[in-house]
Protein backbone atom coordinates (compact mmCIF):
# COMPACT_ATOMS: atom_id res chain seq x y z
CA MET A 1 105.38 119.78 91.64
CA ILE A 2 103.87 118.16 94.72
CA GLN A 3 105.86 118.03 97.95
CA PHE A 4 105.02 115.06 100.16
CA SER A 5 104.94 115.05 103.94
CA LEU A 6 104.38 112.24 106.41
CA ASP A 7 102.62 112.18 109.76
CA ALA A 8 104.13 109.38 111.85
CA ARG A 9 101.34 109.74 114.43
CA SER A 10 98.46 109.33 111.96
CA GLY A 11 98.39 105.53 112.06
CA VAL A 12 98.31 105.53 108.24
CA SER A 13 101.18 103.75 106.50
CA PRO A 14 103.68 106.00 104.71
CA TYR A 15 102.93 104.54 101.27
CA LEU A 16 99.21 105.18 101.76
CA GLN A 17 99.89 108.74 102.88
CA VAL A 18 101.73 109.34 99.59
CA VAL A 19 98.83 107.82 97.63
CA GLN A 20 96.30 109.94 99.53
CA GLN A 21 98.30 113.12 98.96
CA VAL A 22 98.45 112.52 95.21
CA ARG A 23 94.72 111.78 95.04
CA HIS A 24 93.92 114.87 97.10
CA ALA A 25 96.11 117.11 94.92
CA MET A 26 94.37 115.71 91.82
CA ARG A 27 90.91 116.38 93.29
CA LEU A 28 91.88 119.96 94.04
CA GLY A 29 93.32 120.44 90.57
CA LEU A 30 96.82 121.00 91.94
CA LEU A 31 98.01 118.06 89.85
CA ARG A 32 96.80 117.89 86.27
CA GLU A 33 97.25 115.45 83.43
CA GLY A 34 100.85 115.49 82.24
CA ASP A 35 102.27 116.84 85.51
CA ARG A 36 105.29 114.93 86.72
CA LEU A 37 105.51 113.41 90.19
CA PRO A 38 108.81 113.72 92.06
CA THR A 39 111.29 110.96 91.33
CA VAL A 40 111.48 108.09 93.78
CA LYS A 41 115.00 109.24 94.64
CA ASP A 42 113.76 112.77 95.46
CA VAL A 43 110.90 111.48 97.63
CA VAL A 44 113.23 109.13 99.49
CA ALA A 45 115.65 112.00 100.14
CA SER A 46 112.97 114.44 101.32
CA LEU A 47 111.04 111.99 103.53
CA ALA A 48 113.87 109.69 104.64
CA ILE A 49 111.89 106.55 103.78
CA ASN A 50 112.62 103.30 101.99
CA PRO A 51 112.51 103.48 98.17
CA ASN A 52 110.19 100.44 98.16
CA THR A 53 107.61 102.50 100.07
CA VAL A 54 107.54 105.13 97.32
CA LEU A 55 107.54 102.49 94.59
CA LYS A 56 104.58 100.77 96.24
CA ALA A 57 102.64 104.05 96.32
CA TYR A 58 103.44 104.86 92.69
CA ARG A 59 102.52 101.30 91.60
CA GLU A 60 99.14 101.60 93.35
CA LEU A 61 98.47 104.94 91.66
CA GLU A 62 99.45 103.42 88.31
CA ARG A 63 97.26 100.35 88.88
CA ASP A 64 94.34 102.71 89.57
CA GLY A 65 95.00 104.52 86.29
CA LEU A 66 95.92 107.82 87.93
CA VAL A 67 99.56 107.96 86.87
CA ALA A 68 101.73 106.39 84.20
CA THR A 69 105.41 105.55 84.31
CA ARG A 70 107.22 106.99 81.30
CA GLY A 71 110.66 105.42 81.72
CA ARG A 72 113.28 108.17 81.79
CA ASN A 73 110.54 110.82 81.80
CA GLY A 74 109.40 109.68 85.24
CA THR A 75 105.90 109.21 86.58
CA VAL A 76 103.23 111.51 85.19
CA VAL A 77 99.62 112.17 86.11
CA SER A 78 97.28 110.51 83.64
CA GLY A 79 93.85 110.29 85.26
CA ALA A 80 93.19 113.64 86.94
CA ASP A 81 89.98 114.20 85.00
CA GLU A 82 88.69 110.77 85.98
CA THR A 83 89.40 111.52 89.63
CA ARG A 84 87.36 114.71 89.47
CA ALA A 85 84.55 112.86 87.66
CA VAL A 86 84.45 110.17 90.34
CA ASP A 87 84.30 112.84 93.03
CA ALA A 88 81.46 114.63 91.22
CA ALA A 89 79.59 111.33 90.84
CA ALA A 90 80.03 110.61 94.56
CA ASP A 91 78.62 114.04 95.41
CA TYR A 92 75.68 113.48 93.07
CA ALA A 93 75.02 110.03 94.55
CA ALA A 94 74.97 111.50 98.06
CA THR A 95 72.50 114.17 96.93
CA VAL A 96 70.29 111.59 95.22
CA ARG A 97 70.26 109.43 98.34
CA GLY A 98 69.37 112.47 100.45
CA LEU A 99 66.45 113.26 98.16
CA GLY A 100 65.22 109.69 98.22
CA LEU A 101 65.37 109.49 94.42
CA PRO A 102 65.52 105.92 93.07
CA ALA A 103 68.86 104.95 91.53
CA GLU A 104 67.24 104.12 88.19
CA ARG A 105 65.79 107.64 87.91
CA ALA A 106 69.09 109.22 88.92
CA LEU A 107 70.87 107.27 86.17
CA GLU A 108 68.23 108.36 83.63
CA ILE A 109 68.84 111.98 84.59
CA VAL A 110 72.61 111.65 84.17
CA LYS A 111 72.23 109.82 80.86
CA GLY A 112 69.90 112.54 79.59
CA MET A 113 72.34 115.25 80.62
CA LEU A 114 75.25 113.51 78.92
CA GLU A 115 73.29 112.95 75.71
CA ALA A 116 72.14 116.59 75.66
CA GLY A 117 75.75 117.72 75.35
CA PRO A 118 77.44 120.77 76.86
CA ALA A 119 75.33 123.11 78.93
């Protein structure tokens, strides 16, 4: 389970630091689909912050489709694969830009690869 930490000197709001830490853990594969996030009560106790701060972070993650609230089962990761796909697409887009390849051609390449199936 992820353990959050806050940097008061970063200039980044606490709720956004929580959001960023969840996203980062998902990108690295440290959080996977079905993994449970700490309860709001546990985060509040470990970070000594307002419960509304944690709720705001979890709501933003849920709005972005990265987690889902499961009532008594807590908040679970639901979009880890999508996060990794977005990161891979961003890397590909940066490479394409660096090569000077037109966007239309880059999209054709990706479409062809997806239609070809597994490598």
